Amino acid sequence: MRNRHCRGAPLTAELFPETRRCHRIAAGAVLLGGWAQSQALALKAGVDAVIASAPWRHMQTPGGRAMSTANSNCGPLGWQSDALGYRYLRTDPESGRAWPAMPAVFWSLAVAAAEEAGYPGFAPDACLLNRYAPGARLSLHRDQDERDAAAPIVSVSLGLPATFLFGGARREDPCHRLPLYHGDVVVWGGPTRFHYHGVLPVPDGHHPLVGRFRINLTFRKVR
């Protein structure tokens, strides 16, 4: 069901009991609370299918440090980080094969969430999968390796809760701290497309579907 109050709803710190809640974080940025809950089983099955072909791995930053998150990709293009920098590749550098196809449930949910957030016509060609064990984090950064800057970023959370940081156009700008739970989706684009964001260290816990992990699916339109 389409939530027609989504695009203008201000962000608040209150936690609502309803399955689906929607808040505007900033201009062009929206939290769709619980949006993916009804598709969680299918999404987890899709994750398992992708990982069977392109297993989790810890990428290296250009500076030579191992990322605390484990990563994989699906879709025509896959995001890669190593000593050569950040870039998108058509093949998995570890196997030499094309990345696994994007599961249909991934595609349909990302497109629907983008439309709900005010970005109709989103057609992702890359999905980065991140797996957070307890203590894993994501430093403040901005997604700027995509050629198509008009398309939004769609980020889906599964499993353990986490605190998402959403900042401004400069690294030193203040950040919103958003608690994200299983099934939450964050969409940002337009004036906030290149804003800094990150994830605080994930606390320990256990989720009945995902276990002792948080899994994040990030959809992008690269070209």
N, C-alpha and C. Protein backbone atom coordinates (compact mmCIF):
# COMPACT_ATOMS: atom_id res chain seq x y z
N MET A 1 0.85 -1.19 0.00
CA MET A 1 0.00 0.00 0.00
C MET A 1 0.89 1.24 0.00
N ARG A 2 0.56 2.20 -0.78
CA ARG A 2 1.38 3.40 -0.90
C ARG A 2 1.12 4.34 0.28
N ASN A 3 2.18 4.79 0.91
CA ASN A 3 2.09 5.71 2.04
C ASN A 3 2.19 7.13 1.51
N ARG A 4 1.10 7.83 1.37
CA ARG A 4 1.10 9.14 0.73
C ARG A 4 1.59 10.24 1.67
N HIS A 5 1.85 9.90 2.93
CA HIS A 5 2.39 10.89 3.85
C HIS A 5 3.91 10.83 3.91
N CYS A 6 4.51 9.92 3.18
CA CYS A 6 5.93 9.65 3.32
C CYS A 6 6.80 10.85 3.03
N ARG A 7 6.59 11.51 1.90
CA ARG A 7 7.59 12.46 1.43
C ARG A 7 7.67 13.72 2.28
N GLY A 8 6.59 14.01 3.05
CA GLY A 8 6.65 15.23 3.83
C GLY A 8 6.80 14.99 5.32
N ALA A 9 6.88 13.74 5.74
CA ALA A 9 6.91 13.45 7.18
C ALA A 9 8.27 13.78 7.76
N PRO A 10 8.33 14.61 8.83
CA PRO A 10 9.62 14.96 9.43
C PRO A 10 10.18 13.81 10.24
N LEU A 11 11.51 13.78 10.36
CA LEU A 11 12.17 12.79 11.20
C LEU A 11 11.95 13.13 12.66
N THR A 12 11.62 12.13 13.47
CA THR A 12 11.54 12.31 14.91
C THR A 12 12.32 11.18 15.56
N ALA A 13 12.59 11.33 16.86
CA ALA A 13 13.33 10.30 17.58
C ALA A 13 12.41 9.22 18.11
N GLU A 14 11.11 9.41 17.99
CA GLU A 14 10.15 8.46 18.53
C GLU A 14 10.19 7.15 17.76
N LEU A 15 10.06 6.04 18.46
CA LEU A 15 9.98 4.73 17.83
C LEU A 15 8.51 4.33 17.79
N PHE A 16 8.00 4.11 16.60
CA PHE A 16 6.58 3.81 16.43
C PHE A 16 6.35 2.31 16.43
N PRO A 17 5.24 1.84 16.98
CA PRO A 17 4.98 0.41 17.04
C PRO A 17 4.49 -0.18 15.73
N GLU A 18 4.01 0.61 14.81
CA GLU A 18 3.44 0.03 13.60
C GLU A 18 4.56 -0.55 12.74
N THR A 19 4.20 -1.54 11.93
CA THR A 19 5.17 -2.25 11.12
C THR A 19 5.84 -1.32 10.13
N ARG A 20 5.08 -0.42 9.53
CA ARG A 20 5.63 0.45 8.49
C ARG A 20 5.49 1.90 8.92
N ARG A 21 6.65 2.58 9.02
CA ARG A 21 6.64 3.99 9.37
C ARG A 21 7.53 4.71 8.36
N CYS A 22 7.34 5.97 8.20
CA CYS A 22 8.07 6.68 7.17
C CYS A 22 8.40 8.08 7.65
N HIS A 23 9.69 8.44 7.55
CA HIS A 23 10.12 9.75 8.00
C HIS A 23 11.04 10.38 6.97
N ARG A 24 10.93 11.67 6.81
CA ARG A 24 11.89 12.42 6.01
C ARG A 24 13.09 12.73 6.88
N ILE A 25 14.26 12.26 6.47
CA ILE A 25 15.50 12.52 7.21
C ILE A 25 16.02 13.91 6.88
N ALA A 26 16.04 14.22 5.60
CA ALA A 26 16.52 15.50 5.09
C ALA A 26 15.93 15.64 3.70
N ALA A 27 16.18 16.75 3.04
CA ALA A 27 15.67 16.93 1.68
C ALA A 27 16.19 15.81 0.78
N GLY A 28 15.27 15.04 0.22
CA GLY A 28 15.66 13.96 -0.68
C GLY A 28 16.00 12.66 -0.01
N ALA A 29 15.94 12.59 1.32
CA ALA A 29 16.33 11.39 2.07
C ALA A 29 15.17 10.93 2.95
N VAL A 30 14.84 9.64 2.87
CA VAL A 30 13.65 9.11 3.54
C VAL A 30 13.98 7.78 4.20
N LEU A 31 13.45 7.57 5.41
CA LEU A 31 13.49 6.28 6.08
C LEU A 31 12.13 5.62 5.92
N LEU A 32 12.12 4.44 5.31
CA LEU A 32 10.91 3.63 5.17
C LEU A 32 11.00 2.50 6.18
N GLY A 33 10.40 2.72 7.34
CA GLY A 33 10.51 1.76 8.42
C GLY A 33 9.72 0.50 8.15
N GLY A 34 10.38 -0.65 8.24
CA GLY A 34 9.71 -1.93 8.08
C GLY A 34 9.31 -2.26 6.66
N TRP A 35 9.74 -1.47 5.69
CA TRP A 35 9.29 -1.63 4.32
C TRP A 35 9.57 -3.03 3.77
N ALA A 36 10.69 -3.63 4.18
CA ALA A 36 11.10 -4.91 3.61
C ALA A 36 10.73 -6.11 4.47
N GLN A 37 10.04 -5.88 5.58
CA GLN A 37 9.77 -7.00 6.48
C GLN A 37 9.00 -8.14 5.83
N SER A 38 8.01 -7.81 5.04
CA SER A 38 7.18 -8.86 4.44
C SER A 38 7.94 -9.68 3.41
N GLN A 39 9.06 -9.15 2.90
CA GLN A 39 9.87 -9.85 1.91
C GLN A 39 11.16 -10.42 2.50
N ALA A 40 11.28 -10.41 3.82
CA ALA A 40 12.55 -10.76 4.45
C ALA A 40 13.00 -12.19 4.12
N LEU A 41 12.10 -13.15 4.18
CA LEU A 41 12.48 -14.54 3.88
C LEU A 41 12.99 -14.66 2.45
N ALA A 42 12.28 -14.04 1.52
CA ALA A 42 12.70 -14.10 0.12
C ALA A 42 14.02 -13.37 -0.09
N LEU A 43 14.21 -12.25 0.60
CA LEU A 43 15.46 -11.51 0.49
C LEU A 43 16.62 -12.33 1.03
N LYS A 44 16.42 -13.00 2.18
CA LYS A 44 17.48 -13.83 2.74
C LYS A 44 17.81 -15.00 1.81
N ALA A 45 16.79 -15.58 1.19
CA ALA A 45 17.05 -16.66 0.22
C ALA A 45 17.85 -16.12 -0.96
N GLY A 46 17.54 -14.89 -1.39
CA GLY A 46 18.30 -14.28 -2.46
C GLY A 46 19.75 -14.05 -2.07
N VAL A 47 19.98 -13.59 -0.83
CA VAL A 47 21.34 -13.40 -0.33
C VAL A 47 22.10 -14.72 -0.37
N ASP A 48 21.47 -15.78 0.10
CA ASP A 48 22.13 -17.09 0.12
C ASP A 48 22.50 -17.54 -1.29
N ALA A 49 21.61 -17.29 -2.26
CA ALA A 49 21.89 -17.68 -3.64
C ALA A 49 23.07 -16.89 -4.20
N VAL A 50 23.13 -15.60 -3.91
CA VAL A 50 24.24 -14.79 -4.39
C VAL A 50 25.55 -15.26 -3.78
N ILE A 51 25.55 -15.51 -2.47
CA ILE A 51 26.78 -15.88 -1.77
C ILE A 51 27.27 -17.26 -2.20
N ALA A 52 26.36 -18.13 -2.62
CA ALA A 52 26.78 -19.44 -3.11
C ALA A 52 27.65 -19.31 -4.36
N SER A 53 27.45 -18.25 -5.13
CA SER A 53 28.21 -18.02 -6.35
C SER A 53 29.37 -17.05 -6.15
N ALA A 54 29.16 -16.04 -5.30
CA ALA A 54 30.19 -15.02 -5.03
C ALA A 54 30.32 -14.88 -3.52
N PRO A 55 31.13 -15.73 -2.87
CA PRO A 55 31.18 -15.79 -1.40
C PRO A 55 31.61 -14.47 -0.76
N TRP A 56 31.24 -14.35 0.50
CA TRP A 56 31.66 -13.19 1.27
C TRP A 56 33.17 -13.08 1.26
N ARG A 57 33.68 -11.83 1.18
CA ARG A 57 35.10 -11.58 1.30
C ARG A 57 35.31 -10.21 1.93
N HIS A 58 36.46 -10.02 2.59
CA HIS A 58 36.79 -8.72 3.18
C HIS A 58 37.68 -7.97 2.19
N MET A 59 37.11 -6.94 1.56
CA MET A 59 37.88 -6.16 0.60
C MET A 59 38.92 -5.31 1.32
N GLN A 60 39.92 -4.87 0.57
CA GLN A 60 40.96 -4.00 1.07
C GLN A 60 40.67 -2.56 0.64
N THR A 61 40.93 -1.62 1.53
CA THR A 61 40.86 -0.22 1.15
C THR A 61 42.08 0.11 0.28
N PRO A 62 42.03 1.21 -0.47
CA PRO A 62 43.23 1.59 -1.24
C PRO A 62 44.46 1.77 -0.36
N GLY A 63 44.25 2.05 0.92
CA GLY A 63 45.36 2.21 1.85
C GLY A 63 45.89 0.90 2.40
N GLY A 64 45.25 -0.23 2.02
CA GLY A 64 45.75 -1.54 2.43
C GLY A 64 45.11 -2.13 3.66
N ARG A 65 44.10 -1.49 4.23
CA ARG A 65 43.44 -2.03 5.40
C ARG A 65 42.24 -2.90 5.00
N ALA A 66 42.02 -3.98 5.74
CA ALA A 66 40.87 -4.83 5.49
C ALA A 66 39.61 -4.18 6.05
N MET A 67 38.56 -4.17 5.26
CA MET A 67 37.28 -3.64 5.73
C MET A 67 36.70 -4.56 6.80
N SER A 68 36.03 -3.98 7.80
CA SER A 68 35.46 -4.80 8.86
C SER A 68 34.20 -5.53 8.40
N THR A 69 33.56 -5.02 7.37
CA THR A 69 32.41 -5.72 6.80
C THR A 69 32.88 -6.73 5.76
N ALA A 70 32.13 -7.82 5.62
CA ALA A 70 32.35 -8.76 4.53
C ALA A 70 31.43 -8.37 3.39
N ASN A 71 31.87 -8.54 2.15
CA ASN A 71 31.15 -7.99 1.01
C ASN A 71 30.95 -9.00 -0.11
N SER A 72 29.95 -8.73 -0.93
CA SER A 72 29.74 -9.43 -2.19
C SER A 72 28.91 -8.50 -3.08
N ASN A 73 28.63 -8.94 -4.29
CA ASN A 73 27.87 -8.13 -5.24
C ASN A 73 26.97 -9.01 -6.08
N CYS A 74 25.93 -8.39 -6.64
CA CYS A 74 25.13 -9.04 -7.67
C CYS A 74 24.62 -7.98 -8.63
N GLY A 75 24.24 -8.42 -9.80
CA GLY A 75 23.81 -7.50 -10.85
C GLY A 75 24.89 -7.38 -11.91
N PRO A 76 24.63 -6.61 -12.96
CA PRO A 76 25.60 -6.48 -14.06
C PRO A 76 26.94 -5.90 -13.63
N LEU A 77 26.94 -5.07 -12.57
CA LEU A 77 28.16 -4.42 -12.12
C LEU A 77 28.36 -4.68 -10.63
N GLY A 78 29.62 -4.83 -10.22
CA GLY A 78 29.94 -5.05 -8.82
C GLY A 78 30.96 -4.05 -8.34
N TRP A 79 30.74 -3.52 -7.12
CA TRP A 79 31.66 -2.54 -6.55
C TRP A 79 32.87 -3.25 -6.00
N GLN A 80 34.05 -2.71 -6.27
CA GLN A 80 35.29 -3.31 -5.83
C GLN A 80 36.19 -2.28 -5.18
N SER A 81 36.87 -2.67 -4.11
CA SER A 81 37.86 -1.83 -3.46
C SER A 81 39.13 -2.64 -3.25
N ASP A 82 40.26 -2.08 -3.67
CA ASP A 82 41.56 -2.72 -3.46
C ASP A 82 42.65 -1.67 -3.63
N ALA A 83 43.87 -2.11 -3.80
CA ALA A 83 44.98 -1.17 -3.91
C ALA A 83 44.86 -0.25 -5.11
N LEU A 84 44.06 -0.65 -6.10
CA LEU A 84 43.88 0.18 -7.29
C LEU A 84 42.81 1.25 -7.11
N GLY A 85 42.09 1.21 -6.00
CA GLY A 85 41.07 2.21 -5.74
C GLY A 85 39.67 1.63 -5.72
N TYR A 86 38.68 2.50 -5.81
CA TYR A 86 37.27 2.12 -5.81
C TYR A 86 36.76 2.17 -7.25
N ARG A 87 36.04 1.11 -7.67
CA ARG A 87 35.55 1.08 -9.04
C ARG A 87 34.50 0.00 -9.17
N TYR A 88 33.80 0.01 -10.30
CA TYR A 88 32.82 -1.03 -10.62
C TYR A 88 33.39 -1.93 -11.70
N LEU A 89 33.16 -3.23 -11.54
CA LEU A 89 33.65 -4.23 -12.48
C LEU A 89 32.49 -5.10 -12.95
N ARG A 90 32.62 -5.60 -14.16
CA ARG A 90 31.60 -6.50 -14.70
C ARG A 90 31.81 -7.95 -14.27
N THR A 91 33.00 -8.27 -13.79
CA THR A 91 33.30 -9.64 -13.37
C THR A 91 33.85 -9.64 -11.95
N ASP A 92 33.67 -10.74 -11.27
CA ASP A 92 34.21 -10.96 -9.94
C ASP A 92 35.72 -11.18 -10.06
N PRO A 93 36.54 -10.33 -9.48
CA PRO A 93 37.98 -10.49 -9.65
C PRO A 93 38.54 -11.77 -9.04
N GLU A 94 37.80 -12.38 -8.12
CA GLU A 94 38.29 -13.61 -7.50
C GLU A 94 38.00 -14.84 -8.36
N SER A 95 36.86 -14.85 -9.05
CA SER A 95 36.50 -16.01 -9.86
C SER A 95 36.69 -15.78 -11.35
N GLY A 96 36.73 -14.52 -11.77
CA GLY A 96 36.79 -14.20 -13.19
C GLY A 96 35.47 -14.34 -13.90
N ARG A 97 34.41 -14.69 -13.18
CA ARG A 97 33.08 -14.86 -13.78
C ARG A 97 32.25 -13.60 -13.57
N ALA A 98 31.19 -13.48 -14.36
CA ALA A 98 30.24 -12.39 -14.17
C ALA A 98 29.63 -12.50 -12.77
N TRP A 99 29.29 -11.36 -12.20
CA TRP A 99 28.63 -11.37 -10.91
C TRP A 99 27.29 -12.10 -11.02
N PRO A 100 26.81 -12.70 -9.93
CA PRO A 100 25.49 -13.35 -9.98
C PRO A 100 24.41 -12.36 -10.39
N ALA A 101 23.39 -12.87 -11.06
CA ALA A 101 22.26 -12.02 -11.43
C ALA A 101 21.57 -11.49 -10.18
N MET A 102 21.00 -10.31 -10.30
CA MET A 102 20.27 -9.74 -9.18
C MET A 102 18.95 -10.48 -9.02
N PRO A 103 18.69 -11.09 -7.85
CA PRO A 103 17.41 -11.78 -7.65
C PRO A 103 16.22 -10.86 -7.91
N ALA A 104 15.18 -11.42 -8.47
CA ALA A 104 14.00 -10.62 -8.83
C ALA A 104 13.42 -9.89 -7.62
N VAL A 105 13.44 -10.53 -6.44
CA VAL A 105 12.89 -9.88 -5.25
C VAL A 105 13.73 -8.67 -4.85
N PHE A 106 15.04 -8.72 -5.10
CA PHE A 106 15.87 -7.56 -4.83
C PHE A 106 15.43 -6.38 -5.70
N TRP A 107 15.35 -6.67 -6.99
CA TRP A 107 15.02 -5.62 -7.97
C TRP A 107 13.67 -4.98 -7.65
N SER A 108 12.66 -5.82 -7.46
CA SER A 108 11.30 -5.28 -7.30
C SER A 108 11.19 -4.46 -6.02
N LEU A 109 11.83 -4.89 -4.95
CA LEU A 109 11.75 -4.13 -3.71
C LEU A 109 12.48 -2.80 -3.82
N ALA A 110 13.66 -2.82 -4.45
CA ALA A 110 14.41 -1.57 -4.60
C ALA A 110 13.66 -0.56 -5.44
N VAL A 111 13.04 -1.02 -6.52
CA VAL A 111 12.29 -0.13 -7.40
C VAL A 111 11.09 0.45 -6.66
N ALA A 112 10.36 -0.41 -5.92
CA ALA A 112 9.18 0.06 -5.19
C ALA A 112 9.55 1.04 -4.09
N ALA A 113 10.63 0.77 -3.37
CA ALA A 113 11.05 1.67 -2.29
C ALA A 113 11.48 3.02 -2.85
N ALA A 114 12.20 3.01 -3.96
CA ALA A 114 12.62 4.27 -4.57
C ALA A 114 11.41 5.09 -5.00
N GLU A 115 10.44 4.43 -5.59
CA GLU A 115 9.24 5.16 -6.02
C GLU A 115 8.50 5.75 -4.82
N GLU A 116 8.39 4.97 -3.75
CA GLU A 116 7.72 5.46 -2.55
C GLU A 116 8.42 6.69 -1.98
N ALA A 117 9.73 6.72 -2.11
CA ALA A 117 10.50 7.84 -1.58
C ALA A 117 10.54 9.03 -2.53
N GLY A 118 9.90 8.90 -3.70
CA GLY A 118 9.84 10.02 -4.62
C GLY A 118 10.80 9.94 -5.79
N TYR A 119 11.29 8.72 -6.09
CA TYR A 119 12.23 8.53 -7.21
C TYR A 119 11.69 7.46 -8.15
N PRO A 120 10.68 7.78 -8.95
CA PRO A 120 10.14 6.79 -9.89
C PRO A 120 11.16 6.49 -11.00
N GLY A 121 11.04 5.30 -11.55
CA GLY A 121 11.88 4.92 -12.68
C GLY A 121 13.27 4.45 -12.29
N PHE A 122 13.52 4.19 -11.02
CA PHE A 122 14.83 3.69 -10.58
C PHE A 122 15.08 2.32 -11.19
N ALA A 123 16.24 2.13 -11.78
CA ALA A 123 16.60 0.86 -12.43
C ALA A 123 18.01 0.48 -12.00
N PRO A 124 18.18 -0.15 -10.84
CA PRO A 124 19.52 -0.44 -10.33
C PRO A 124 20.26 -1.45 -11.21
N ASP A 125 21.55 -1.21 -11.40
CA ASP A 125 22.37 -2.18 -12.13
C ASP A 125 23.50 -2.72 -11.25
N ALA A 126 23.46 -2.42 -9.96
CA ALA A 126 24.45 -2.94 -9.02
C ALA A 126 23.82 -3.06 -7.64
N CYS A 127 24.13 -4.15 -6.94
CA CYS A 127 23.71 -4.31 -5.55
C CYS A 127 24.93 -4.78 -4.76
N LEU A 128 25.38 -3.95 -3.83
CA LEU A 128 26.48 -4.30 -2.94
C LEU A 128 25.89 -4.92 -1.68
N LEU A 129 26.37 -6.12 -1.33
CA LEU A 129 25.95 -6.80 -0.12
C LEU A 129 27.03 -6.61 0.94
N ASN A 130 26.64 -6.18 2.12
CA ASN A 130 27.56 -6.02 3.25
C ASN A 130 27.06 -6.88 4.41
N ARG A 131 27.98 -7.63 5.01
CA ARG A 131 27.63 -8.42 6.20
C ARG A 131 28.43 -7.88 7.39
N TYR A 132 27.71 -7.45 8.41
CA TYR A 132 28.31 -6.91 9.63
C TYR A 132 28.25 -7.94 10.74
N ALA A 133 29.39 -8.37 11.23
CA ALA A 133 29.44 -9.12 12.48
C ALA A 133 29.43 -8.12 13.63
N PRO A 134 29.14 -8.53 14.85
CA PRO A 134 29.20 -7.60 15.98
C PRO A 134 30.55 -6.89 16.02
N GLY A 135 30.50 -5.57 16.16
CA GLY A 135 31.71 -4.76 16.19
C GLY A 135 32.08 -4.17 14.84
N ALA A 136 31.56 -4.70 13.75
CA ALA A 136 31.86 -4.16 12.42
C ALA A 136 31.19 -2.81 12.26
N ARG A 137 31.82 -1.95 11.47
CA ARG A 137 31.31 -0.60 11.29
C ARG A 137 31.61 -0.14 9.87
N LEU A 138 31.05 1.00 9.51
CA LEU A 138 31.32 1.61 8.21
C LEU A 138 31.65 3.08 8.45
N SER A 139 32.86 3.48 8.10
CA SER A 139 33.29 4.85 8.33
C SER A 139 32.49 5.82 7.47
N LEU A 140 32.43 7.07 7.90
CA LEU A 140 31.75 8.09 7.11
C LEU A 140 32.36 8.18 5.72
N HIS A 141 31.51 8.15 4.72
CA HIS A 141 31.94 8.20 3.33
C HIS A 141 30.75 8.67 2.50
N ARG A 142 30.97 8.90 1.23
CA ARG A 142 29.86 9.19 0.33
C ARG A 142 30.02 8.36 -0.93
N ASP A 143 28.90 7.94 -1.49
CA ASP A 143 28.91 7.10 -2.69
C ASP A 143 29.05 8.00 -3.91
N GLN A 144 30.24 8.02 -4.48
CA GLN A 144 30.50 8.94 -5.60
C GLN A 144 31.20 8.25 -6.77
N ASP A 145 31.13 6.90 -6.81
CA ASP A 145 31.77 6.16 -7.90
C ASP A 145 30.80 5.83 -9.03
N GLU A 146 29.56 6.29 -8.93
CA GLU A 146 28.55 6.00 -9.94
C GLU A 146 28.48 7.14 -10.95
N ARG A 147 28.36 6.79 -12.21
CA ARG A 147 28.24 7.81 -13.26
C ARG A 147 26.87 8.47 -13.25
N ASP A 148 25.84 7.70 -12.88
CA ASP A 148 24.48 8.23 -12.87
C ASP A 148 24.21 8.87 -11.51
N ALA A 149 24.43 10.16 -11.39
CA ALA A 149 24.24 10.85 -10.12
C ALA A 149 22.79 11.25 -9.89
N ALA A 150 21.94 11.07 -10.91
CA ALA A 150 20.53 11.44 -10.76
C ALA A 150 19.73 10.38 -10.02
N ALA A 151 20.20 9.14 -10.04
CA ALA A 151 19.49 8.03 -9.40
C ALA A 151 19.79 8.02 -7.90
N PRO A 152 18.85 7.57 -7.08
CA PRO A 152 19.07 7.53 -5.63
C PRO A 152 19.88 6.31 -5.22
N ILE A 153 20.20 6.25 -3.95
CA ILE A 153 20.74 5.06 -3.30
C ILE A 153 19.60 4.45 -2.49
N VAL A 154 19.44 3.13 -2.58
CA VAL A 154 18.43 2.41 -1.79
C VAL A 154 19.16 1.40 -0.92
N SER A 155 18.98 1.50 0.39
CA SER A 155 19.70 0.68 1.35
C SER A 155 18.73 -0.10 2.22
N VAL A 156 18.86 -1.44 2.23
CA VAL A 156 17.93 -2.33 2.93
C VAL A 156 18.66 -3.02 4.08
N SER A 157 18.05 -3.01 5.27
CA SER A 157 18.65 -3.63 6.45
C SER A 157 17.94 -4.93 6.80
N LEU A 158 18.74 -5.96 7.09
CA LEU A 158 18.23 -7.25 7.55
C LEU A 158 19.04 -7.69 8.77
N GLY A 159 18.38 -8.33 9.72
CA GLY A 159 19.10 -8.91 10.84
C GLY A 159 19.27 -7.96 12.01
N LEU A 160 20.46 -7.97 12.61
CA LEU A 160 20.73 -7.19 13.81
C LEU A 160 20.49 -5.69 13.58
N PRO A 161 20.07 -4.98 14.61
CA PRO A 161 19.89 -3.53 14.48
C PRO A 161 21.24 -2.83 14.41
N ALA A 162 21.22 -1.60 13.93
CA ALA A 162 22.42 -0.79 13.83
C ALA A 162 22.04 0.68 13.92
N THR A 163 23.03 1.52 14.15
CA THR A 163 22.82 2.96 14.15
C THR A 163 23.44 3.53 12.88
N PHE A 164 22.59 4.11 12.04
CA PHE A 164 23.01 4.69 10.77
C PHE A 164 23.29 6.17 10.97
N LEU A 165 24.42 6.62 10.47
CA LEU A 165 24.79 8.03 10.54
C LEU A 165 24.52 8.66 9.19
N PHE A 166 23.76 9.74 9.18
CA PHE A 166 23.50 10.45 7.92
C PHE A 166 23.87 11.91 8.13
N GLY A 167 24.93 12.32 7.45
CA GLY A 167 25.47 13.65 7.64
C GLY A 167 25.16 14.60 6.51
N GLY A 168 26.10 15.49 6.26
CA GLY A 168 25.89 16.52 5.25
C GLY A 168 26.87 16.39 4.10
N ALA A 169 27.00 17.48 3.37
CA ALA A 169 27.85 17.48 2.19
C ALA A 169 29.33 17.50 2.55
N ARG A 170 29.65 17.86 3.80
CA ARG A 170 31.03 17.86 4.27
C ARG A 170 31.18 16.83 5.38
N ARG A 171 32.35 16.20 5.44
CA ARG A 171 32.58 15.17 6.45
C ARG A 171 32.35 15.71 7.86
N GLU A 172 32.68 16.98 8.09
CA GLU A 172 32.59 17.53 9.44
C GLU A 172 31.18 17.99 9.80
N ASP A 173 30.22 17.91 8.88
CA ASP A 173 28.85 18.31 9.19
C ASP A 173 28.23 17.40 10.24
N PRO A 174 27.29 17.90 11.05
CA PRO A 174 26.61 17.06 12.04
C PRO A 174 25.86 15.91 11.36
N CYS A 175 25.73 14.82 12.10
CA CYS A 175 25.05 13.63 11.57
C CYS A 175 23.76 13.34 12.34
N HIS A 176 22.72 12.95 11.62
CA HIS A 176 21.57 12.31 12.24
C HIS A 176 22.01 10.91 12.67
N ARG A 177 21.53 10.46 13.82
CA ARG A 177 21.75 9.08 14.26
C ARG A 177 20.41 8.35 14.17
N LEU A 178 20.32 7.41 13.25
CA LEU A 178 19.05 6.73 12.99
C LEU A 178 19.15 5.27 13.39
N PRO A 179 18.35 4.81 14.34
CA PRO A 179 18.32 3.37 14.63
C PRO A 179 17.63 2.63 13.49
N LEU A 180 18.32 1.64 12.94
CA LEU A 180 17.76 0.84 11.86
C LEU A 180 17.52 -0.58 12.36
N TYR A 181 16.35 -1.12 11.97
CA TYR A 181 15.95 -2.45 12.40
C TYR A 181 15.69 -3.33 11.18
N HIS A 182 15.52 -4.59 11.47
CA HIS A 182 15.25 -5.59 10.43
C HIS A 182 14.08 -5.15 9.54
N GLY A 183 14.32 -5.02 8.25
CA GLY A 183 13.27 -4.64 7.31
C GLY A 183 13.22 -3.17 6.99
N ASP A 184 14.03 -2.35 7.65
CA ASP A 184 14.02 -0.91 7.35
C ASP A 184 14.76 -0.63 6.03
N VAL A 185 14.30 0.42 5.34
CA VAL A 185 14.91 0.83 4.08
C VAL A 185 15.17 2.33 4.15
N VAL A 186 16.37 2.74 3.75
CA VAL A 186 16.70 4.16 3.65
C VAL A 186 16.96 4.48 2.18
N VAL A 187 16.36 5.57 1.71
CA VAL A 187 16.53 6.02 0.32
C VAL A 187 16.99 7.47 0.35
N TRP A 188 18.06 7.76 -0.39
CA TRP A 188 18.48 9.16 -0.48
C TRP A 188 18.99 9.48 -1.88
N GLY A 189 18.75 10.73 -2.28
CA GLY A 189 19.15 11.17 -3.62
C GLY A 189 18.92 12.67 -3.73
N GLY A 190 18.88 13.16 -4.96
CA GLY A 190 18.64 14.58 -5.16
C GLY A 190 19.67 15.42 -4.43
N PRO A 191 19.23 16.36 -3.60
CA PRO A 191 20.17 17.27 -2.92
C PRO A 191 21.06 16.58 -1.90
N THR A 192 20.69 15.37 -1.46
CA THR A 192 21.51 14.66 -0.46
C THR A 192 22.22 13.44 -1.06
N ARG A 193 22.22 13.34 -2.39
CA ARG A 193 22.80 12.15 -3.04
C ARG A 193 24.25 11.91 -2.62
N PHE A 194 25.03 12.95 -2.44
CA PHE A 194 26.44 12.80 -2.10
C PHE A 194 26.75 13.17 -0.66
N HIS A 195 25.75 13.04 0.20
CA HIS A 195 26.00 13.32 1.61
C HIS A 195 26.75 12.17 2.27
N TYR A 196 27.51 12.52 3.29
CA TYR A 196 28.28 11.51 4.02
C TYR A 196 27.35 10.66 4.89
N HIS A 197 27.72 9.40 5.02
CA HIS A 197 26.93 8.48 5.83
C HIS A 197 27.84 7.34 6.31
N GLY A 198 27.39 6.62 7.31
CA GLY A 198 28.18 5.52 7.86
C GLY A 198 27.35 4.72 8.83
N VAL A 199 27.98 3.74 9.47
CA VAL A 199 27.29 2.87 10.43
C VAL A 199 28.19 2.72 11.66
N LEU A 200 27.64 2.96 12.85
CA LEU A 200 28.38 2.75 14.08
C LEU A 200 28.60 1.25 14.31
N PRO A 201 29.57 0.87 15.15
CA PRO A 201 29.80 -0.57 15.40
C PRO A 201 28.51 -1.29 15.79
N VAL A 202 28.27 -2.40 15.14
CA VAL A 202 27.03 -3.16 15.38
C VAL A 202 27.13 -3.90 16.71
N PRO A 203 26.13 -3.74 17.59
CA PRO A 203 26.17 -4.45 18.87
C PRO A 203 25.93 -5.95 18.71
N ASP A 204 26.40 -6.70 19.68
CA ASP A 204 26.21 -8.15 19.64
C ASP A 204 24.74 -8.49 19.83
N GLY A 205 24.35 -9.62 19.31
CA GLY A 205 22.98 -10.07 19.42
C GLY A 205 22.73 -11.26 18.52
N HIS A 206 21.49 -11.65 18.44
CA HIS A 206 21.11 -12.77 17.57
C HIS A 206 19.75 -12.48 16.96
N HIS A 207 19.67 -12.65 15.64
CA HIS A 207 18.39 -12.46 14.95
C HIS A 207 17.90 -13.81 14.45
N PRO A 208 16.60 -14.11 14.59
CA PRO A 208 16.10 -15.44 14.22
C PRO A 208 16.28 -15.81 12.75
N LEU A 209 16.35 -14.83 11.86
CA LEU A 209 16.51 -15.14 10.44
C LEU A 209 17.98 -15.07 10.01
N VAL A 210 18.70 -14.08 10.51
CA VAL A 210 20.05 -13.80 10.01
C VAL A 210 21.14 -14.25 10.98
N GLY A 211 20.76 -14.59 12.21
CA GLY A 211 21.75 -15.03 13.18
C GLY A 211 22.51 -13.86 13.78
N ARG A 212 23.81 -14.03 13.95
CA ARG A 212 24.63 -13.05 14.65
C ARG A 212 25.23 -12.03 13.67
N PHE A 213 24.39 -11.56 12.74
CA PHE A 213 24.87 -10.64 11.72
C PHE A 213 23.81 -9.60 11.39
N ARG A 214 24.29 -8.51 10.81
CA ARG A 214 23.44 -7.56 10.08
C ARG A 214 23.83 -7.66 8.62
N ILE A 215 22.86 -7.76 7.74
CA ILE A 215 23.11 -7.77 6.31
C ILE A 215 22.47 -6.53 5.70
N ASN A 216 23.23 -5.84 4.89
CA ASN A 216 22.76 -4.63 4.23
C ASN A 216 22.86 -4.81 2.72
N LEU A 217 21.80 -4.47 2.02
CA LEU A 217 21.77 -4.50 0.56
C LEU A 217 21.70 -3.05 0.08
N THR A 218 22.67 -2.63 -0.72
CA THR A 218 22.70 -1.26 -1.20
C THR A 218 22.60 -1.26 -2.73
N PHE A 219 21.54 -0.67 -3.23
CA PHE A 219 21.25 -0.65 -4.67
C PHE A 219 21.66 0.68 -5.27
N ARG A 220 22.35 0.61 -6.43
CA ARG A 220 22.81 1.81 -7.11
C ARG A 220 22.52 1.70 -8.61
N LYS A 221 22.37 2.82 -9.25
CA LYS A 221 22.34 2.91 -10.71
C LYS A 221 23.67 3.53 -11.10
N VAL A 222 24.51 2.70 -11.70
CA VAL A 222 25.89 3.14 -11.97
C VAL A 222 25.97 3.87 -13.30
N ARG A 223 25.33 3.31 -14.33
CA ARG A 223 25.46 3.87 -15.69
C ARG A 223 24.09 4.05 -16.32
